[in-house]
Amino acid sequence: MTGQIFGADALKYVYSPWHDPLGSVRPGERFTVETSDCFTSLFHDPDAYDDETAAWVEENLNPVTGPIVVDGAVAGGAVEVHIESIEITTPGSVVVSRCTARSPADWWHEEDHVVSVPVVDGRLRLRADWSVPVRPLIGCLATAPARETILSRREGDYGGNMDCNEITTGATVLLPVETDGAYLYFGDCKAAMGDGEVVAAPEVGTRIVATATPVDRPVEMDSIRVWDDSRLQTVVSGVSLTDSSRMAFRSLKRWLEADYGLTSEECAVLLGIGGHCGVCQVSNAIYTAKCWVERSLLP
């Protein structure tokens, strides 16, 4: 653990500019955030799953730790959140569906029990003779919207429940600031997750070490940005997955033009060769898409 510690003992279920902050951090200061899993730890014991607890979780999904004020962050600006490390602190909890419905969209309504997946030496033990590596990610990372309270299970221009598996150790996330102080929230971490979230992934509690730095919002910024040593990526949430994908593509093109001095034609050619669109999640009412390009293709 490093610097200030923001514990998971005052969980929130909404993003709001009217919350009392847990505290504040200086620009670039390392701090630690402890998170609960998306079930508020109710299913650490699989036998705790029943109709009553399942209904409570459905109404209180995705608790988040926050808000954390970033000194110097102002409405109209942006904040760079760098993820230095994510430590898994609990076993993985998976609510399992029967998956018998014709449409996978209905599989969420067929969930009927919980399994606990141990995390041992950096691996998820699926069976005594079968394990897979962890790659923890932050499912919910948000700033507070302006003059609005939004359920923590939602996502939008403020970030939120994006379930983008590139928001992991080593990544930097650029979020817009609409409330002075930014008001950062963290939660809904997974031990590992594929793209799409068509079925549940192992939900875990974590200890996150991060820094946050206020910056001017780029004029051309119209989406969440995520980058690491190997790629640049934009993330967009919307009612149409098709439109979200196209807007993420457009947003990445504008970013490259502004920061790398490429012409519109050069960007179009580059992204035609090496631009990739993907799905973060299709499990929510608002769908989240991403578009990325490898740094190795840039001039």
Protein backbone atom coordinates (compact mmCIF):
# COMPACT_ATOMS: atom_id res chain seq x y z
CA MET A 1 0.00 0.00 0.00
CA THR A 2 1.20 3.47 -0.85
CA GLY A 3 0.28 6.94 0.43
CA GLN A 4 -3.25 7.69 1.51
CA ILE A 5 -5.64 4.76 1.76
CA PHE A 6 -9.30 5.11 0.80
CA GLY A 7 -11.10 2.11 2.25
CA ALA A 8 -14.20 0.27 1.11
CA ASP A 9 -16.13 1.05 4.29
CA ALA A 10 -18.29 3.88 2.90
CA LEU A 11 -19.45 2.41 -0.39
CA LYS A 12 -21.62 4.37 -2.80
CA TYR A 13 -24.11 3.10 -5.36
CA VAL A 14 -24.31 6.30 -7.40
CA TYR A 15 -21.95 8.85 -8.92
CA SER A 16 -22.87 12.28 -7.60
CA PRO A 17 -21.39 15.77 -7.25
CA TRP A 18 -23.22 16.04 -3.91
CA HIS A 19 -21.39 13.25 -2.10
CA ASP A 20 -19.10 14.16 0.78
CA PRO A 21 -15.58 13.31 -0.48
CA LEU A 22 -13.56 10.63 1.27
CA GLY A 23 -10.54 12.92 0.99
CA SER A 24 -8.29 14.59 -1.55
CA VAL A 25 -5.03 13.86 -3.35
CA ARG A 26 -2.42 16.16 -4.78
CA PRO A 27 -1.57 16.02 -8.50
CA GLY A 28 0.61 12.97 -9.11
CA GLU A 29 0.35 11.73 -5.51
CA ARG A 30 0.24 7.94 -5.13
CA PHE A 31 -2.83 6.72 -3.28
CA THR A 32 -4.49 3.40 -2.54
CA VAL A 33 -8.14 2.56 -3.15
CA GLU A 34 -9.75 -0.53 -1.66
CA THR A 35 -12.82 -1.84 -3.48
CA SER A 36 -15.55 -4.36 -2.78
CA ASP A 37 -16.74 -6.73 -5.46
CA CYS A 38 -19.88 -5.84 -7.42
CA PHE A 39 -22.01 -7.94 -5.03
CA THR A 40 -20.95 -5.92 -1.93
CA SER A 41 -19.19 -9.14 -0.79
CA LEU A 42 -22.52 -10.92 -0.17
CA PHE A 43 -21.57 -13.94 -2.24
CA HIS A 44 -18.15 -14.76 -0.81
CA ASP A 45 -20.04 -17.72 0.63
CA PRO A 46 -21.83 -19.29 -2.37
CA ASP A 47 -24.50 -20.65 -0.04
CA ALA A 48 -25.58 -17.05 0.66
CA TYR A 49 -27.13 -16.85 -2.80
CA ASP A 50 -30.92 -17.07 -2.65
CA ASP A 51 -33.88 -15.13 -4.03
CA GLU A 52 -33.63 -12.48 -1.32
CA THR A 53 -29.92 -11.76 -1.62
CA ALA A 54 -30.08 -11.92 -5.44
CA ALA A 55 -32.87 -9.33 -5.43
CA TRP A 56 -30.91 -7.05 -3.07
CA VAL A 57 -27.81 -7.25 -5.26
CA GLU A 58 -29.87 -6.52 -8.36
CA GLU A 59 -31.06 -3.29 -6.71
CA ASN A 60 -27.60 -2.43 -5.31
CA LEU A 61 -25.19 -3.53 -7.99
CA ASN A 62 -21.63 -2.23 -8.37
CA PRO A 63 -20.70 -0.41 -5.14
CA VAL A 64 -17.87 2.05 -5.71
CA THR A 65 -15.27 3.63 -3.44
CA GLY A 66 -15.27 7.42 -3.60
CA PRO A 67 -15.50 10.18 -4.33
CA ILE A 68 -11.87 11.23 -4.14
CA VAL A 69 -11.09 14.87 -4.85
CA VAL A 70 -8.15 15.64 -7.13
CA ASP A 71 -6.66 18.99 -6.12
CA GLY A 72 -6.58 21.40 -9.04
CA ALA A 73 -9.11 19.56 -11.19
CA VAL A 74 -11.71 22.00 -12.50
CA ALA A 75 -14.96 21.64 -14.38
CA GLY A 76 -14.27 21.79 -18.10
CA GLY A 77 -10.87 20.18 -17.69
CA ALA A 78 -9.79 16.56 -17.53
CA VAL A 79 -7.93 14.20 -15.22
CA GLU A 80 -5.34 11.55 -16.06
CA VAL A 81 -5.70 8.50 -13.82
CA HIS A 82 -2.69 6.19 -13.98
CA ILE A 83 -3.12 2.65 -12.65
CA GLU A 84 0.14 1.50 -11.05
CA SER A 85 -1.10 -1.81 -9.68
CA ILE A 86 -4.22 -3.84 -8.90
CA GLU A 87 -3.99 -6.43 -6.14
CA ILE A 88 -6.79 -8.99 -5.80
CA THR A 89 -7.90 -9.30 -2.16
CA THR A 90 -10.75 -11.86 -2.31
CA PRO A 91 -11.64 -15.05 -4.14
CA GLY A 92 -13.54 -14.59 -7.37
CA SER A 93 -17.33 -14.81 -7.14
CA VAL A 94 -19.26 -15.82 -10.25
CA VAL A 95 -23.04 -15.92 -10.49
CA VAL A 96 -23.61 -18.74 -12.98
CA SER A 97 -26.41 -18.90 -15.54
CA ARG A 98 -28.02 -22.01 -16.96
CA CYS A 99 -27.50 -20.43 -20.42
CA THR A 100 -30.42 -22.33 -21.94
CA ALA A 101 -32.31 -19.40 -23.48
CA ARG A 102 -32.01 -18.99 -27.23
CA SER A 103 -30.79 -15.40 -26.85
CA PRO A 104 -27.71 -14.77 -24.72
CA ALA A 105 -29.38 -11.49 -23.70
CA ASP A 106 -31.71 -13.63 -21.59
CA TRP A 107 -28.96 -15.63 -19.92
CA TRP A 108 -28.66 -12.94 -17.21
CA HIS A 109 -32.22 -13.85 -16.17
CA GLU A 110 -31.27 -17.52 -15.80
CA GLU A 111 -28.64 -17.05 -13.11
CA ASP A 112 -29.30 -19.52 -10.32
CA HIS A 113 -26.18 -20.17 -8.22
CA VAL A 114 -22.74 -18.87 -7.28
CA VAL A 115 -19.33 -20.47 -7.56
CA SER A 116 -16.23 -19.29 -5.74
CA VAL A 117 -13.01 -19.29 -7.75
CA PRO A 118 -9.83 -19.29 -5.63
CA VAL A 119 -6.96 -17.02 -6.61
CA VAL A 120 -3.65 -18.79 -5.95
CA ASP A 121 -0.22 -17.48 -6.96
CA GLY A 122 -1.65 -15.15 -9.57
CA ARG A 123 -3.92 -17.75 -11.14
CA LEU A 124 -7.63 -18.51 -11.03
CA ARG A 125 -8.07 -22.12 -10.02
CA LEU A 126 -11.03 -23.35 -12.07
CA ARG A 127 -10.44 -26.97 -11.12
CA ALA A 128 -7.80 -28.90 -9.20
CA ASP A 129 -6.01 -29.64 -12.50
CA TRP A 130 -6.88 -26.42 -14.34
CA SER A 131 -5.99 -22.80 -13.71
CA VAL A 132 -5.69 -19.63 -15.79
CA PRO A 133 -3.74 -16.41 -15.16
CA VAL A 134 -5.40 -13.40 -13.54
CA ARG A 135 -5.45 -10.06 -15.32
CA PRO A 136 -7.35 -7.78 -12.96
CA LEU A 137 -9.19 -4.80 -14.38
CA ILE A 138 -11.29 -1.93 -13.08
CA GLY A 139 -14.87 -2.24 -14.34
CA CYS A 140 -16.12 1.08 -12.93
CA LEU A 141 -13.93 4.19 -13.09
CA ALA A 142 -15.72 7.53 -13.17
CA THR A 143 -15.77 11.20 -12.42
CA ALA A 144 -18.92 12.81 -11.04
CA PRO A 145 -21.33 14.13 -13.68
CA ALA A 146 -22.36 17.78 -13.46
CA ARG A 147 -25.58 18.49 -11.52
CA GLU A 148 -26.76 14.88 -11.82
CA THR A 149 -26.78 11.67 -9.80
CA ILE A 150 -26.35 8.45 -11.80
CA LEU A 151 -26.42 4.82 -10.69
CA SER A 152 -22.94 3.35 -10.42
CA ARG A 153 -24.03 0.48 -12.68
CA ARG A 154 -24.43 2.98 -15.57
CA GLU A 155 -21.85 4.35 -18.01
CA GLY A 156 -21.49 7.39 -20.22
CA ASP A 157 -19.30 10.39 -20.99
CA TYR A 158 -18.15 10.41 -17.33
CA GLY A 159 -16.82 6.83 -17.56
CA GLY A 160 -18.62 4.54 -15.14
CA ASN A 161 -19.39 0.87 -15.70
CA MET A 162 -17.41 0.54 -18.93
CA ASP A 163 -15.98 -2.94 -18.24
CA CYS A 164 -13.02 -2.15 -20.48
CA ASN A 165 -10.40 -4.80 -19.84
CA GLU A 166 -7.58 -2.47 -20.90
CA ILE A 167 -8.18 -0.40 -17.75
CA THR A 168 -5.61 -2.43 -15.87
CA THR A 169 -2.09 -2.18 -14.46
CA GLY A 170 0.04 0.18 -16.53
CA ALA A 171 -2.87 1.98 -18.18
CA THR A 172 -3.62 5.69 -18.05
CA VAL A 173 -7.24 6.80 -18.41
CA LEU A 174 -8.20 10.34 -19.42
CA LEU A 175 -11.61 11.30 -18.01
CA PRO A 176 -13.50 14.58 -18.43
CA VAL A 177 -14.05 16.69 -15.31
CA GLU A 178 -17.52 18.20 -14.88
CA THR A 179 -17.34 18.89 -11.12
CA ASP A 180 -14.51 20.84 -9.48
CA GLY A 181 -12.23 18.28 -7.86
CA ALA A 182 -13.15 15.57 -10.42
CA TYR A 183 -14.69 13.29 -7.73
CA LEU A 184 -13.16 9.94 -8.70
CA TYR A 185 -14.90 6.60 -8.08
CA PHE A 186 -13.43 3.08 -8.40
CA GLY A 187 -15.12 -0.34 -8.27
CA ASP A 188 -16.53 -3.43 -10.02
CA CYS A 189 -13.15 -5.08 -10.50
CA LYS A 190 -12.73 -8.47 -12.15
CA ALA A 191 -9.91 -10.99 -11.74
CA ALA A 192 -9.93 -11.42 -15.52
CA MET A 193 -12.46 -10.76 -18.23
CA GLY A 194 -12.85 -11.22 -21.96
CA ASP A 195 -14.51 -8.73 -24.27
CA GLY A 196 -18.28 -8.27 -24.29
CA GLU A 197 -19.34 -9.44 -20.81
CA VAL A 198 -21.91 -11.79 -22.36
CA VAL A 199 -21.62 -13.95 -19.23
CA ALA A 200 -20.27 -13.11 -15.79
CA ALA A 201 -16.54 -12.97 -14.99
CA PRO A 202 -14.97 -13.53 -11.53
CA GLU A 203 -15.86 -10.49 -9.41
CA VAL A 204 -13.25 -9.56 -6.81
CA GLY A 205 -12.32 -7.06 -4.16
CA THR A 206 -9.09 -5.21 -4.89
CA ARG A 207 -6.45 -2.84 -3.63
CA ILE A 208 -5.57 -0.33 -6.36
CA VAL A 209 -2.53 1.97 -6.36
CA ALA A 210 -3.03 4.95 -8.64
CA THR A 211 -2.15 8.57 -9.31
CA ALA A 212 -4.37 11.34 -10.65
CA THR A 213 -3.24 14.48 -12.43
CA PRO A 214 -5.48 17.33 -13.62
CA VAL A 215 -4.83 18.49 -17.19
CA ASP A 216 -6.46 20.75 -19.73
CA ARG A 217 -9.16 18.97 -21.69
CA PRO A 218 -8.05 18.57 -25.32
CA VAL A 219 -10.31 20.59 -27.63
CA GLU A 220 -10.94 17.56 -29.82
CA MET A 221 -11.59 15.15 -26.91
CA ASP A 222 -15.07 13.64 -27.23
CA SER A 223 -14.56 10.24 -25.59
CA ILE A 224 -12.73 8.47 -22.79
CA ARG A 225 -9.10 7.82 -23.69
CA VAL A 226 -6.99 4.89 -22.50
CA TRP A 227 -3.33 4.35 -23.30
CA ASP A 228 -0.35 2.28 -22.27
CA ASP A 229 3.09 1.51 -23.67
CA SER A 230 1.70 -0.40 -26.64
CA ARG A 231 -1.57 1.20 -27.79
CA LEU A 232 -3.84 4.23 -27.91
CA GLN A 233 -7.55 3.58 -27.38
CA THR A 234 -10.84 5.46 -27.22
CA VAL A 235 -13.93 4.23 -25.35
CA VAL A 236 -17.52 5.30 -26.09
CA SER A 237 -20.83 4.26 -24.48
CA GLY A 238 -24.18 4.69 -26.22
CA VAL A 239 -27.58 3.17 -26.91
CA SER A 240 -26.28 1.71 -30.19
CA LEU A 241 -23.19 -0.49 -30.22
CA THR A 242 -22.76 0.30 -33.91
CA ASP A 243 -22.77 4.04 -33.31
CA SER A 244 -20.51 3.67 -30.26
CA SER A 245 -17.97 1.77 -32.38
CA ARG A 246 -18.08 4.38 -35.15
CA MET A 247 -17.77 7.27 -32.68
CA ALA A 248 -14.81 5.58 -30.95
CA PHE A 249 -13.18 5.26 -34.38
CA ARG A 250 -13.83 8.94 -35.18
CA SER A 251 -12.57 10.03 -31.78
CA LEU A 252 -9.32 8.11 -32.23
CA LYS A 253 -8.84 9.69 -35.66
CA ARG A 254 -9.23 13.19 -34.19
CA TRP A 255 -6.79 12.33 -31.37
CA LEU A 256 -4.14 11.18 -33.84
CA GLU A 257 -4.57 14.27 -35.99
CA ALA A 258 -4.15 16.57 -32.99
CA ASP A 259 -1.32 14.84 -31.13
CA TYR A 260 0.71 13.33 -33.97
CA GLY A 261 0.25 16.01 -36.64
CA LEU A 262 -1.21 13.56 -39.14
CA THR A 263 -3.47 14.79 -41.88
CA SER A 264 -7.03 13.51 -42.16
CA GLU A 265 -5.99 11.45 -45.17
CA GLU A 266 -3.00 9.93 -43.35
CA CYS A 267 -5.18 9.03 -40.35
CA ALA A 268 -7.80 7.44 -42.56
CA VAL A 269 -5.17 5.31 -44.28
CA LEU A 270 -3.51 4.36 -40.98
CA LEU A 271 -6.77 3.36 -39.30
CA GLY A 272 -7.89 1.52 -42.41
CA ILE A 273 -4.73 -0.58 -42.06
CA GLY A 274 -4.44 -0.93 -38.31
CA GLY A 275 -7.46 0.52 -36.52
CA HIS A 276 -9.38 -2.05 -34.47
CA CYS A 277 -12.88 -1.77 -33.02
CA GLY A 278 -13.97 -3.98 -30.14
CA VAL A 279 -16.70 -4.50 -27.59
CA CYS A 280 -16.21 -3.71 -23.92
CA GLN A 281 -19.67 -4.78 -22.78
CA VAL A 282 -23.14 -5.52 -24.17
CA SER A 283 -24.64 -6.49 -20.80
CA ASN A 284 -26.07 -3.08 -19.90
CA ALA A 285 -28.76 -0.84 -21.38
CA ILE A 286 -25.98 1.40 -22.72
CA TYR A 287 -23.33 -0.45 -24.74
CA THR A 288 -19.62 0.31 -24.62
CA ALA A 289 -17.25 0.03 -27.60
CA LYS A 290 -13.56 0.74 -28.07
CA CYS A 291 -11.20 1.55 -30.92
CA TRP A 292 -7.42 1.26 -30.79
CA VAL A 293 -4.24 1.46 -32.79
CA GLU A 294 -0.85 0.02 -31.89
CA ARG A 295 1.84 2.59 -31.16
CA SER A 296 4.25 0.61 -33.35
CA LEU A 297 2.31 1.78 -36.42
CA LEU A 298 2.67 5.47 -35.62
CA PRO A 299 5.34 7.64 -37.24
